Amino acid sequence: MLTTFHMGHWKPLTWLTHGVDFTLWGMHPLGYKAGSIALHVAAALAFLALARRLLRLAQPERPRDAVRPGPWRHLALRRAPIAGGAGGLAERAR
């Protein structure tokens, strides 16, 4: 299976996964779909781990006790509401 060029190019991973799927599931299509989904999930998790590692390495060092911005950071950028609301503005205009 790993040394054949049967029906085209040499694709060892494709042949291996097909052999494992056929051994486990026979010709049942659900098994092939489950194997494909499992490989895609594994690839996505590996990519996520690599991306997080690279991004962590790219960030400058900061002290461990530094405050990290959280989901509430946008609240500090908003202005406080005007006391009296719109009614107070109408009274000042008179």
N, C-alpha and C. Protein backbone atom coordinates (compact mmCIF):
# COMPACT_ATOMS: atom_id res chain seq x y z
N MET A 1 0.82 -1.19 0.00
CA MET A 1 0.00 0.00 0.00
C MET A 1 0.87 1.26 0.00
N LEU A 2 1.97 1.26 0.71
CA LEU A 2 2.80 2.46 0.78
C LEU A 2 3.78 2.58 -0.38
N THR A 3 3.97 1.51 -1.14
CA THR A 3 4.96 1.55 -2.21
C THR A 3 4.33 1.52 -3.60
N THR A 4 3.02 1.55 -3.70
CA THR A 4 2.37 1.45 -5.00
C THR A 4 2.10 2.82 -5.62
N PHE A 5 2.14 2.86 -6.93
CA PHE A 5 1.78 4.05 -7.68
C PHE A 5 0.50 3.77 -8.46
N HIS A 6 -0.29 2.83 -7.97
CA HIS A 6 -1.51 2.40 -8.64
C HIS A 6 -2.48 3.58 -8.78
N MET A 7 -2.97 3.82 -9.95
CA MET A 7 -3.96 4.86 -10.25
C MET A 7 -3.45 6.26 -9.92
N GLY A 8 -2.23 6.58 -10.29
CA GLY A 8 -1.78 7.95 -10.16
C GLY A 8 -0.59 8.13 -9.27
N HIS A 9 -0.58 9.27 -8.61
CA HIS A 9 0.56 9.69 -7.81
C HIS A 9 0.66 8.92 -6.50
N TRP A 10 1.82 9.01 -5.89
CA TRP A 10 2.08 8.35 -4.61
C TRP A 10 1.51 9.22 -3.49
N LYS A 11 0.47 8.75 -2.82
CA LYS A 11 -0.19 9.48 -1.74
C LYS A 11 -0.31 8.57 -0.54
N PRO A 12 0.75 8.45 0.24
CA PRO A 12 0.73 7.46 1.34
C PRO A 12 -0.32 7.76 2.41
N LEU A 13 -0.54 9.02 2.75
CA LEU A 13 -1.52 9.33 3.80
C LEU A 13 -2.94 8.99 3.33
N THR A 14 -3.22 9.28 2.07
CA THR A 14 -4.54 8.94 1.52
C THR A 14 -4.76 7.44 1.54
N TRP A 15 -3.76 6.69 1.11
CA TRP A 15 -3.89 5.23 1.08
C TRP A 15 -4.00 4.67 2.50
N LEU A 16 -3.23 5.21 3.44
CA LEU A 16 -3.30 4.72 4.82
C LEU A 16 -4.67 4.96 5.44
N THR A 17 -5.19 6.19 5.28
CA THR A 17 -6.49 6.48 5.86
C THR A 17 -7.59 5.65 5.21
N HIS A 18 -7.47 5.44 3.91
CA HIS A 18 -8.46 4.59 3.24
C HIS A 18 -8.38 3.15 3.76
N GLY A 19 -7.16 2.65 3.94
CA GLY A 19 -7.00 1.29 4.47
C GLY A 19 -7.54 1.14 5.87
N VAL A 20 -7.28 2.13 6.73
CA VAL A 20 -7.78 2.08 8.10
C VAL A 20 -9.30 2.18 8.11
N ASP A 21 -9.85 3.10 7.32
CA ASP A 21 -11.31 3.24 7.26
C ASP A 21 -11.96 1.95 6.75
N PHE A 22 -11.39 1.36 5.72
CA PHE A 22 -11.98 0.13 5.18
C PHE A 22 -11.88 -1.02 6.19
N THR A 23 -10.76 -1.08 6.92
CA THR A 23 -10.60 -2.13 7.92
C THR A 23 -11.61 -1.95 9.06
N LEU A 24 -11.82 -0.72 9.49
CA LEU A 24 -12.74 -0.47 10.61
C LEU A 24 -14.20 -0.53 10.20
N TRP A 25 -14.54 0.06 9.07
CA TRP A 25 -15.93 0.29 8.71
C TRP A 25 -16.43 -0.52 7.51
N GLY A 26 -15.52 -1.13 6.76
CA GLY A 26 -15.96 -1.81 5.54
C GLY A 26 -16.35 -0.78 4.51
N MET A 27 -17.48 -0.98 3.84
CA MET A 27 -17.94 -0.04 2.82
C MET A 27 -19.03 0.90 3.35
N HIS A 28 -19.19 1.00 4.66
CA HIS A 28 -20.20 1.87 5.26
C HIS A 28 -19.73 3.33 5.17
N PRO A 29 -20.48 4.22 4.50
CA PRO A 29 -20.01 5.59 4.28
C PRO A 29 -19.90 6.43 5.55
N LEU A 30 -20.67 6.10 6.58
CA LEU A 30 -20.60 6.87 7.82
C LEU A 30 -19.21 6.81 8.45
N GLY A 31 -18.56 5.67 8.36
CA GLY A 31 -17.22 5.52 8.91
C GLY A 31 -16.21 6.39 8.18
N TYR A 32 -16.33 6.48 6.87
CA TYR A 32 -15.42 7.34 6.09
C TYR A 32 -15.63 8.80 6.46
N LYS A 33 -16.89 9.18 6.64
CA LYS A 33 -17.21 10.57 7.03
C LYS A 33 -16.66 10.87 8.42
N ALA A 34 -16.81 9.94 9.36
CA ALA A 34 -16.30 10.14 10.72
C ALA A 34 -14.78 10.25 10.71
N GLY A 35 -14.13 9.42 9.91
CA GLY A 35 -12.67 9.51 9.81
C GLY A 35 -12.21 10.83 9.23
N SER A 36 -12.92 11.31 8.23
CA SER A 36 -12.59 12.60 7.62
C SER A 36 -12.77 13.75 8.61
N ILE A 37 -13.87 13.71 9.34
CA ILE A 37 -14.13 14.76 10.34
C ILE A 37 -13.08 14.71 11.44
N ALA A 38 -12.71 13.52 11.88
CA ALA A 38 -11.68 13.39 12.93
C ALA A 38 -10.34 13.96 12.46
N LEU A 39 -9.98 13.68 11.21
CA LEU A 39 -8.72 14.24 10.68
C LEU A 39 -8.78 15.76 10.59
N HIS A 40 -9.92 16.30 10.16
CA HIS A 40 -10.05 17.75 10.06
C HIS A 40 -10.01 18.42 11.44
N VAL A 41 -10.64 17.81 12.41
CA VAL A 41 -10.61 18.36 13.78
C VAL A 41 -9.18 18.33 14.33
N ALA A 42 -8.48 17.24 14.09
CA ALA A 42 -7.09 17.13 14.56
C ALA A 42 -6.21 18.19 13.88
N ALA A 43 -6.40 18.39 12.60
CA ALA A 43 -5.62 19.41 11.88
C ALA A 43 -5.94 20.80 12.39
N ALA A 44 -7.21 21.08 12.65
CA ALA A 44 -7.61 22.40 13.16
C ALA A 44 -7.03 22.65 14.55
N LEU A 45 -7.05 21.64 15.41
CA LEU A 45 -6.49 21.80 16.76
C LEU A 45 -4.98 21.98 16.71
N ALA A 46 -4.31 21.27 15.80
CA ALA A 46 -2.86 21.44 15.65
C ALA A 46 -2.55 22.85 15.15
N PHE A 47 -3.34 23.35 14.21
CA PHE A 47 -3.13 24.70 13.71
C PHE A 47 -3.38 25.73 14.81
N LEU A 48 -4.43 25.53 15.61
CA LEU A 48 -4.73 26.44 16.71
C LEU A 48 -3.59 26.48 17.72
N ALA A 49 -3.06 25.32 18.07
CA ALA A 49 -1.94 25.26 19.02
C ALA A 49 -0.71 25.96 18.45
N LEU A 50 -0.43 25.75 17.18
CA LEU A 50 0.72 26.40 16.55
C LEU A 50 0.53 27.91 16.48
N ALA A 51 -0.66 28.35 16.10
CA ALA A 51 -0.93 29.79 16.00
C ALA A 51 -0.83 30.47 17.36
N ARG A 52 -1.39 29.84 18.39
CA ARG A 52 -1.31 30.43 19.74
C ARG A 52 0.13 30.52 20.22
N ARG A 53 0.91 29.48 19.92
CA ARG A 53 2.32 29.47 20.31
C ARG A 53 3.09 30.58 19.60
N LEU A 54 2.86 30.72 18.30
CA LEU A 54 3.56 31.76 17.54
C LEU A 54 3.15 33.16 17.99
N LEU A 55 1.86 33.35 18.26
CA LEU A 55 1.41 34.66 18.73
C LEU A 55 1.95 34.97 20.12
N ARG A 56 2.05 33.96 20.96
CA ARG A 56 2.61 34.18 22.30
C ARG A 56 4.08 34.56 22.20
N LEU A 57 4.82 33.94 21.28
CA LEU A 57 6.23 34.27 21.09
C LEU A 57 6.42 35.65 20.49
N ALA A 58 5.46 36.10 19.70
CA ALA A 58 5.57 37.40 19.04
C ALA A 58 5.24 38.57 19.96
N GLN A 59 4.54 38.33 21.06
CA GLN A 59 4.16 39.39 21.97
C GLN A 59 5.36 39.79 22.83
N PRO A 60 5.47 41.08 23.13
CA PRO A 60 6.56 41.50 24.02
C PRO A 60 6.30 41.00 25.44
N GLU A 61 7.37 40.83 26.16
CA GLU A 61 7.26 40.37 27.55
C GLU A 61 6.59 41.44 28.40
N ARG A 62 5.76 41.03 29.32
CA ARG A 62 5.14 41.96 30.26
C ARG A 62 5.14 41.31 31.63
N PRO A 63 5.10 42.11 32.68
CA PRO A 63 5.11 41.53 34.03
C PRO A 63 3.88 40.66 34.26
N ARG A 64 4.06 39.64 35.09
CA ARG A 64 2.96 38.71 35.35
C ARG A 64 1.81 39.38 36.11
N ASP A 65 2.09 40.43 36.88
CA ASP A 65 1.04 41.08 37.65
C ASP A 65 0.36 42.21 36.87
N ALA A 66 0.69 42.38 35.60
CA ALA A 66 0.06 43.42 34.79
C ALA A 66 -1.41 43.08 34.56
N VAL A 67 -2.23 44.11 34.54
CA VAL A 67 -3.66 43.92 34.32
C VAL A 67 -3.88 43.66 32.84
N ARG A 68 -4.59 42.58 32.54
CA ARG A 68 -4.89 42.26 31.16
C ARG A 68 -6.25 42.85 30.81
N PRO A 69 -6.39 43.43 29.64
CA PRO A 69 -7.71 43.96 29.27
C PRO A 69 -8.71 42.83 29.10
N GLY A 70 -9.88 43.03 29.64
CA GLY A 70 -10.90 42.01 29.55
C GLY A 70 -12.06 42.48 28.70
N PRO A 71 -13.15 41.76 28.74
CA PRO A 71 -14.30 42.15 27.92
C PRO A 71 -14.96 43.44 28.38
N TRP A 72 -14.60 43.94 29.54
CA TRP A 72 -15.17 45.16 30.08
C TRP A 72 -14.40 46.41 29.65
N ARG A 73 -13.34 46.28 28.86
CA ARG A 73 -12.48 47.41 28.53
C ARG A 73 -13.23 48.50 27.76
N HIS A 74 -14.25 48.13 27.01
CA HIS A 74 -14.99 49.13 26.25
C HIS A 74 -15.83 50.03 27.16
N LEU A 75 -16.15 49.58 28.37
CA LEU A 75 -16.94 50.38 29.29
C LEU A 75 -16.16 51.60 29.78
N ALA A 76 -14.86 51.49 29.90
CA ALA A 76 -14.05 52.61 30.38
C ALA A 76 -13.95 53.70 29.31
N LEU A 77 -14.19 53.40 28.08
CA LEU A 77 -14.07 54.38 27.01
C LEU A 77 -15.36 55.18 26.82
N ARG A 78 -16.45 54.72 27.38
CA ARG A 78 -17.73 55.44 27.23
C ARG A 78 -17.79 56.61 28.20
N ARG A 79 -18.45 57.66 27.77
CA ARG A 79 -18.60 58.82 28.63
C ARG A 79 -19.77 58.61 29.58
N ALA A 80 -19.70 59.25 30.71
CA ALA A 80 -20.78 59.15 31.70
C ALA A 80 -22.01 59.88 31.15
N PRO A 81 -23.21 59.38 31.42
CA PRO A 81 -24.42 60.05 30.93
C PRO A 81 -24.58 61.42 31.58
N ILE A 82 -25.18 62.32 30.84
CA ILE A 82 -25.40 63.68 31.34
C ILE A 82 -26.53 63.64 32.37
N ALA A 83 -26.30 64.28 33.50
CA ALA A 83 -27.32 64.29 34.54
C ALA A 83 -28.53 65.06 34.03
N GLY A 84 -29.70 64.50 34.19
CA GLY A 84 -30.92 65.17 33.75
C GLY A 84 -31.35 64.72 32.38
N GLY A 85 -30.51 64.08 31.65
CA GLY A 85 -30.89 63.57 30.33
C GLY A 85 -31.13 64.71 29.34
N ALA A 86 -31.96 64.47 28.36
CA ALA A 86 -32.26 65.43 27.30
C ALA A 86 -33.09 66.59 27.84
N GLY A 87 -33.87 66.37 28.89
CA GLY A 87 -34.69 67.44 29.46
C GLY A 87 -33.82 68.56 30.01
N GLY A 88 -32.69 68.24 30.55
CA GLY A 88 -31.80 69.26 31.07
C GLY A 88 -31.23 70.13 29.96
N LEU A 89 -31.02 69.58 28.81
CA LEU A 89 -30.51 70.36 27.67
C LEU A 89 -31.58 71.34 27.17
N ALA A 90 -32.83 70.91 27.18
CA ALA A 90 -33.91 71.78 26.70
C ALA A 90 -34.10 72.97 27.64
N GLU A 91 -33.95 72.79 28.94
CA GLU A 91 -34.09 73.88 29.88
C GLU A 91 -32.98 74.89 29.74
N ARG A 92 -31.76 74.44 29.42
CA ARG A 92 -30.63 75.37 29.28
C ARG A 92 -30.79 76.24 28.03
N ALA A 93 -31.47 75.72 27.03
CA ALA A 93 -31.60 76.48 25.78
C ALA A 93 -32.55 77.65 25.94
N ARG A 94 -33.44 77.68 26.89
CA ARG A 94 -34.40 78.76 27.07
C ARG A 94 -33.80 79.97 27.63
